[in-house]
Amino acid sequence: MKEECGVFGIVGSGGAAALSYLGLYSLQHRGQESSGIITSDGESMYEHKAMGLVSEVFTEEILKGLKGDIAIGHNRYSTTGMSRLVNAQPFMVNCKIGKIAIAHNGNLINAAFLRAGMEKKGSIFRSGMDSEVILHLIAKSRKKNITEMIIDALRQVEGSYSAVFLLEDRVIAARDPHGFRPLCIGKLDDSVVFASESCAFDILEAEYTGEVAPGEICIATRDRFESIQFSEPADPLSKCIFEYIYFSRPDSRVFGENVDKVRRKIGRRLSQESPVDADMVISVPDSSNTIALGYANQSGIPFELGLIRNHYVGRTFIQPEQAARDWDIRIKFNPVRGVLEGRRIIVVDDSIVRGSTMKKLVAMLRGAGASEIHLRIGSPLITHSCYFGIDTPTTGELIASRYSLEEIRDFLEVESLAYISLEGLRSCVKEREDYCVACFSGDYPLCGEAVERGERGCQGCGGGNRSGFGE
C-alpha cells in the first residue's frame, strides 16, 4: 500500500513559503516523489517544485525567493500520471481570471472521460494529472466570479478530492461530497491554515479548529473567512478508513478523531478476535506500532522491539539479480536477534497487499531465530483495488483476491494468520457506516453511478469495466 498526497495552504502570514515548507515536512509521509510551493504577494505569484523530498527540493535561498503571505504546497505520490516533473504539483495556469493554482489529494474517476471530451473540442493538456482537468473546467466556466467557477467545475467531476486553490489574494479549499480524504482547518494567530492532517499544524504551533466538511468550499482572504455548502453531503459518507489504518501519522487528528486512539482500538479488537499464546508482540514499524501496542495491552503479552526500521533508505540502485536475494527488505528492516531468538512471536502489521514483502519479512524473522511466528493484521483482507486516491495493485495482484486465508498462511509460512474482521474494524471508529470499505468488500460508492451515465473513461474501468468495478 503506497502513500497518497499531502496538501497545505496558508493565508495572511509573513514568510508563508517557510511555513508551508514546515507544513509539507510534517506531511512528507503522504508523498515522497515530488514537492512544490506556490506563493502570492497580492500582485505576483512565485513557484518552485521539483522531484524529491521536501528537504531536497527547497533551500533557504529558494524559500526567500517565494515571496508573499499566501501560499499552497503539495507532496506527491502518483495515483494518476507518471512520476515526472511535469506532473508535480501545485499546478498553475493563466486564464481569463488571471493565475490560479491547485494542489489536489484524491482521484477523479471520470477524469479521462472529461479530458477526452475537452480534447475533442481543442483543449490542450500539458500533464497527465486529473487535477489539470479541474483547472480546465474552471477556465471554461461561464459563471461570474471565481468561487462560482470553482463550484461549477467541482460539480462536474466524480471521485475523491481534497483540494486547495491559490489566487493572488486568497486560498480556496474544497472537499468532495463523499468526504473521501481529510482536509483540516487551523488557526495561526490571525492566519488561516489548511492541511491534509493536523500534524502539519503542530510544527507551526497552529490551533486545529475543525475540517472542511464534505461538499463544502472555504474561502480565506487576509481579512475574512467564508464557507459555502456547494453540494449536499452524501448519505452515508465514504471517508477512507485506511487513513486510520496506515496513511495518517499517529499524532494527527483526521475525520474528527485522534489516529493513535483509533489504532490502539484496532489492536485491542484484533487481540479479542484472534488471541494466541506467545512470548511477545512486535510490530512491523512504523505504521503498525500503535496497533501492536493495543494488541499487547489487551492480551497482556509484552510488546518488544523485534524489528528496527532504517529511516534513511533513499535510492539503493539494486540490480534485478541482486533484488532476488531480498536486499530490499534487508535494507529497510533489521531483526533484533537477541530479542527474537527462541521466542514465539506475534507480528502485527497494518495490511497485506501482494504478500511478497511479508513473505520476505517472515523469512528474515525465522532466520533471526524466532521459533513460532503468528501474524496478526490490523485491516480486513484487501480483495479489491481502490480508485479514490490509493495506489493499490489491480485486483488480480492482490493476494487475498486469489487465495483463501489458509492458502495465504501456507504461502507466508507462519504458524497462524488472522485479520481483523470488517465489523471489528468499523467498531473502532465513530459513525461506522460513514467510511469507504470498498477495498475489503468490493462495494464501491461511486463508480457504478459513473458507468450508468456512460462515462466509460473513468479511471477504474478504463472502458473495460475491469475487475468487476462498477458492475
Foldseek 3Di string as FASTA:
>chain_A
DAAWKKKKWKAAAFLQLVLQLLLVLLQQRRAFQKKKKWAAALPDIDIFMDTGTSVVRDDPVNSVVGGHRIMMMMHHDDPWFDSDPQPDDQDWDQAPVGIKTKYKFKFWQLLQLLVVVVVVVPDDDRTRDSVVSLVVQLRPDPDDDSVVSSLRSLVPTDFWIFMWMDDNFKIKTATALLRAFWKWWWADPQMIMIISWCSSCVVVVIGTDGTQHHQKMWIDGNPDIDIDNSDHRDVQHAYALVCLLAHPDQCTATPNHRSLQLLLLLLLLLCVVDPDDWQEEEEPDDSNVSSSVSVCVNRVHYHDHFKDFDPPQPDDPDDPVRCVVVVVLVSGIDGDLVVAAPTAYEYEYAAAFQLPSLLVVLVRSVVSHHPAYAYEYSAAQQQADDRIRDNGDHNVSGPVVPDDLVVSCVSSVHPYYDYRDLVSSLVSDPPSVSHRPCRRVVPDPPLLVVVVVVSLCTPCCNNPCPPVRND
